Amino acid sequence: MRNLRITAALAVALLTGTAVACGPDRAPTAPAIGALRADVAPSADLLSAADGRTASWSVSGLRRERPLASDITVQQVIGPRGGKLSIPAAGFTLEVPAGAVATETTFSVTALAGEMLAYEFGPSGTSFPIALRGTQDLSGTLAKRLPRGATLGLGYFRAPSDVDASTGTAMVAQEVEATVDKSGHRLSFGIPHFSGWIILWRNGFTADSVWEP
C-alpha cells in the first residue's frame, strides 16, 4: 500500500471543518491559511464562503500593543500607472500596481480605531484585474506573542460591526494568504477587492504535524 501523506492544509480541513465551495456535487473542504514564510509570493485566494452573500465564520484577529485612539483615513488619486498610500501610525501601506485601474481613481484606506488590525478600503465594492499589495509592519503588534507555529492571513469582513474587539475576533467571508519577510517584521499580502480586511491568525502546523506512516 502506498504511503499516505496528510499535509498541513488537509489537517486544517479535518480539524476545523470550515466550508468552502468546491462544486455542486462535492462536499466543501478548507485549505490552510498561509504559513509564516518569506519564500512564497502572497495574494493567493485560499478560502471563500460557500455562499458569498451570507456565509461567514469566526477568526481570531491580530492585536496592536497600543490601540488606535480613533479611525485614521488617508486618500490618494491613483491612475493606470499605479501608486501608493500609507498610514504610518497604523504601520500599513497599500501599493496599487500599474494596470489595476483604467482611469484616475480616488483610493482611500481607513485604519479602524482600537486594538484590531482592521482596515476599510475604497472605492467600496471594487474588484481589480491585478491584486493590490498590502504590507503591515508587525512592530507594535502582538505577533511575537502568538503560539509557536501560528500562521497569519487576511480576512474579508462585510461591515465594521463584524469586528469584535471585546473578544478579539471577526466574522469573515473570505481568507487570503500572507507571508512574513525574513526579518519577521513585515507582513505582505494581496488584496483582490475592497472593502474591509482584517489581519488574522490561526494555530498553524509545523513540519512535525505532517503524518507519513
Protein backbone atom coordinates (compact mmCIF):
# COMPACT_ATOMS: atom_id res chain seq x y z
CA MET A 1 0.00 0.00 0.00
CA ARG A 2 1.42 3.36 -0.95
CA ASN A 3 2.25 5.87 1.76
CA LEU A 4 -0.44 8.26 2.81
CA ARG A 5 0.55 11.85 3.48
CA ILE A 6 -1.69 14.31 5.27
CA THR A 7 -0.50 17.81 4.51
CA ALA A 8 -0.96 20.78 6.79
CA ALA A 9 -3.76 22.05 4.56
CA LEU A 10 -5.70 18.81 4.84
CA ALA A 11 -5.07 18.70 8.55
CA VAL A 12 -6.68 22.11 8.97
CA ALA A 13 -9.65 20.98 6.92
CA LEU A 14 -10.14 17.90 9.08
CA LEU A 15 -9.77 19.76 12.36
CA THR A 16 -11.74 22.89 11.65
CA GLY A 17 -14.46 21.71 9.30
CA THR A 18 -14.60 25.17 7.68
CA ALA A 19 -16.70 25.31 4.48
CA VAL A 20 -15.62 26.39 1.02
CA ALA A 21 -17.44 25.93 -2.27
CA CYS A 22 -16.00 23.07 -4.35
CA GLY A 23 -18.72 22.45 -6.92
CA PRO A 24 -22.31 21.27 -6.86
CA ASP A 25 -21.60 17.59 -6.20
CA ARG A 26 -18.66 17.75 -3.84
CA ALA A 27 -18.51 18.34 -0.10
CA PRO A 28 -16.76 21.59 0.85
CA THR A 29 -13.25 21.49 2.31
CA ALA A 30 -10.99 24.16 3.76
CA PRO A 31 -7.34 24.72 2.84
CA ALA A 32 -4.84 26.05 5.37
CA ILE A 33 -4.09 29.69 5.85
CA GLY A 34 -0.70 30.85 4.55
CA ALA A 35 2.29 29.96 6.70
CA LEU A 36 4.81 32.40 8.13
CA ARG A 37 7.20 32.05 5.20
CA ALA A 38 9.27 34.52 3.24
CA ASP A 39 9.76 32.35 0.12
CA VAL A 40 6.12 32.23 -1.04
CA ALA A 41 4.59 35.08 -3.01
CA PRO A 42 1.42 36.47 -1.40
CA SER A 43 -2.03 37.10 -2.88
CA ALA A 44 -3.37 33.56 -3.40
CA ASP A 45 -7.07 33.35 -2.54
CA LEU A 46 -7.31 30.50 -0.05
CA LEU A 47 -10.82 30.37 1.23
CA SER A 48 -14.17 31.78 0.15
CA ALA A 49 -17.66 31.45 1.51
CA ALA A 50 -19.84 28.64 0.14
CA ASP A 51 -22.47 31.33 -0.35
CA GLY A 52 -20.70 34.65 -0.87
CA ARG A 53 -23.85 36.55 0.09
CA THR A 54 -24.44 35.11 3.54
CA ALA A 55 -21.84 32.58 4.74
CA SER A 56 -19.19 33.67 7.22
CA TRP A 57 -17.11 32.24 10.05
CA SER A 58 -15.23 33.49 13.09
CA VAL A 59 -11.46 34.09 13.12
CA SER A 60 -9.00 35.45 15.66
CA GLY A 61 -7.63 38.90 14.85
CA LEU A 62 -4.08 40.05 15.47
CA ARG A 63 -3.96 42.84 18.06
CA ARG A 64 -1.92 46.02 18.40
CA GLU A 65 0.13 46.65 21.52
CA ARG A 66 -1.37 50.13 21.68
CA PRO A 67 -4.88 50.62 20.28
CA LEU A 68 -5.56 53.41 17.82
CA ALA A 69 -7.45 56.18 19.59
CA SER A 70 -9.62 56.92 16.55
CA ASP A 71 -10.10 55.95 12.91
CA ILE A 72 -7.35 57.17 10.58
CA THR A 73 -8.22 57.76 6.91
CA VAL A 74 -5.92 58.63 4.02
CA GLN A 75 -6.83 59.27 0.36
CA GLN A 76 -4.86 59.38 -2.85
CA VAL A 77 -5.82 59.77 -6.54
CA ILE A 78 -4.12 56.94 -8.43
CA GLY A 79 -4.28 56.26 -12.17
CA PRO A 80 -3.30 53.48 -14.60
CA ARG A 81 0.41 53.94 -13.81
CA GLY A 82 -0.15 52.83 -10.21
CA GLY A 83 0.78 54.42 -6.91
CA LYS A 84 0.97 54.05 -3.17
CA LEU A 85 -0.64 55.33 0.03
CA SER A 86 0.15 54.58 3.63
CA ILE A 87 -0.87 55.12 7.24
CA PRO A 88 2.40 55.31 9.22
CA ALA A 89 0.61 55.42 12.59
CA ALA A 90 -1.02 52.08 11.77
CA GLY A 91 2.04 50.58 10.07
CA PHE A 92 0.11 49.92 6.87
CA THR A 93 0.94 50.57 3.20
CA LEU A 94 -1.18 49.91 0.10
CA GLU A 95 0.50 49.58 -3.29
CA VAL A 96 -1.62 49.87 -6.45
CA PRO A 97 0.26 48.25 -9.35
CA ALA A 98 0.21 49.60 -12.88
CA GLY A 99 -2.88 48.42 -14.73
CA ALA A 100 -5.01 47.86 -11.62
CA VAL A 101 -7.32 50.73 -12.66
CA ALA A 102 -8.05 52.14 -16.12
CA THR A 103 -8.77 55.74 -15.06
CA GLU A 104 -7.83 58.17 -12.31
CA THR A 105 -9.40 56.77 -9.13
CA THR A 106 -9.61 58.12 -5.59
CA PHE A 107 -8.39 55.37 -3.27
CA SER A 108 -8.97 55.52 0.47
CA VAL A 109 -7.76 53.45 3.39
CA THR A 110 -9.18 53.69 6.91
CA ALA A 111 -7.45 52.07 9.86
CA LEU A 112 -10.22 51.29 12.33
CA ALA A 113 -9.85 52.52 15.89
CA GLY A 114 -8.97 50.02 18.59
CA GLU A 115 -6.64 47.07 19.04
CA MET A 116 -7.54 45.08 15.94
CA LEU A 117 -5.57 45.44 12.70
CA ALA A 118 -8.69 46.08 10.64
CA TYR A 119 -8.98 48.32 7.58
CA GLU A 120 -11.67 49.59 5.26
CA PHE A 121 -10.85 50.41 1.65
CA GLY A 122 -12.50 52.48 -1.05
CA PRO A 123 -13.95 52.68 -3.62
CA SER A 124 -16.18 50.20 -1.81
CA GLY A 125 -17.03 47.03 -3.72
CA THR A 126 -14.30 47.46 -6.34
CA SER A 127 -12.57 44.36 -7.78
CA PHE A 128 -9.23 44.57 -9.57
CA PRO A 129 -7.79 42.69 -12.57
CA ILE A 130 -4.45 42.75 -10.74
CA ALA A 131 -4.37 42.20 -6.98
CA LEU A 132 -3.25 45.19 -4.95
CA ARG A 133 -0.45 44.65 -2.46
CA GLY A 134 -0.72 45.41 1.23
CA THR A 135 2.09 45.42 3.77
CA GLN A 136 1.77 45.57 7.53
CA ASP A 137 4.58 46.46 9.94
CA LEU A 138 4.34 43.86 12.70
CA SER A 139 6.28 46.01 15.15
CA GLY A 140 3.88 47.23 17.78
CA THR A 141 1.62 44.19 17.37
CA LEU A 142 1.27 41.02 19.44
CA ALA A 143 2.58 38.81 16.62
CA LYS A 144 5.58 37.66 18.67
CA ARG A 145 3.28 36.53 21.47
CA LEU A 146 1.29 34.16 19.28
CA PRO A 147 1.59 30.40 19.94
CA ARG A 148 4.51 28.65 18.31
CA GLY A 149 3.62 27.64 14.77
CA ALA A 150 0.84 30.21 14.47
CA THR A 151 0.14 31.47 10.96
CA LEU A 152 -1.07 34.84 9.73
CA GLY A 153 -3.51 35.72 6.97
CA LEU A 154 -6.05 38.26 5.79
CA GLY A 155 -9.82 38.02 6.25
CA TYR A 156 -12.58 39.88 4.39
CA PHE A 157 -15.34 41.32 6.59
CA ARG A 158 -18.51 42.93 5.27
CA ALA A 159 -19.01 45.63 7.91
CA PRO A 160 -17.10 47.10 10.88
CA SER A 161 -19.70 45.54 13.17
CA ASP A 162 -18.28 42.14 12.16
CA VAL A 163 -15.10 43.03 14.09
CA ASP A 164 -15.47 42.38 17.83
CA ALA A 165 -12.63 43.96 19.81
CA SER A 166 -14.02 42.61 23.10
CA THR A 167 -13.35 39.02 22.02
CA GLY A 168 -10.54 39.70 19.56
CA THR A 169 -12.46 38.00 16.77
CA ALA A 170 -14.13 38.87 13.49
CA MET A 171 -16.68 37.30 11.17
CA VAL A 172 -15.16 36.90 7.71
CA ALA A 173 -16.37 35.58 4.35
CA GLN A 174 -13.02 35.09 2.64
CA GLU A 175 -9.39 34.48 3.57
CA VAL A 176 -6.21 35.32 1.69
CA GLU A 177 -2.72 34.04 2.49
CA ALA A 178 0.03 36.29 3.77
CA THR A 179 3.80 36.00 4.10
CA VAL A 180 6.34 37.37 6.55
CA ASP A 181 9.72 38.64 5.38
CA LYS A 182 12.99 37.20 6.66
CA SER A 183 13.27 39.84 9.37
CA GLY A 184 9.90 38.77 10.78
CA HIS A 185 8.76 42.38 10.93
CA ARG A 186 6.79 42.81 7.70
CA LEU A 187 3.66 41.00 6.58
CA SER A 188 2.72 41.07 2.87
CA PHE A 189 -0.50 40.03 1.15
CA GLY A 190 -2.55 40.53 -1.99
CA ILE A 191 -5.87 42.39 -1.89
CA PRO A 192 -8.20 41.21 -4.69
CA HIS A 193 -11.13 43.50 -3.90
CA PHE A 194 -12.43 46.10 -1.46
CA SER A 195 -13.87 46.83 1.23
CA GLY A 196 -13.00 45.51 4.75
CA TRP A 197 -9.96 43.36 5.59
CA ILE A 198 -8.50 42.24 8.92
CA ILE A 199 -5.21 40.56 9.76
CA LEU A 200 -5.99 37.22 11.39
CA TRP A 201 -4.08 34.37 12.95
CA ARG A 202 -4.56 30.65 13.44
CA ASN A 203 -2.78 27.86 15.30
CA GLY A 204 -0.58 26.61 12.47
CA PHE A 205 1.15 23.35 11.62
CA THR A 206 4.89 22.73 11.70
CA ALA A 207 6.83 20.02 9.92
CA ASP A 208 6.14 17.76 12.91
CA SER A 209 2.44 17.97 12.07
CA VAL A 210 2.88 16.12 8.75
CA TRP A 211 1.92 12.48 9.18
CA GLU A 212 3.55 9.87 6.97
CA PRO A 213 3.33 6.23 8.18
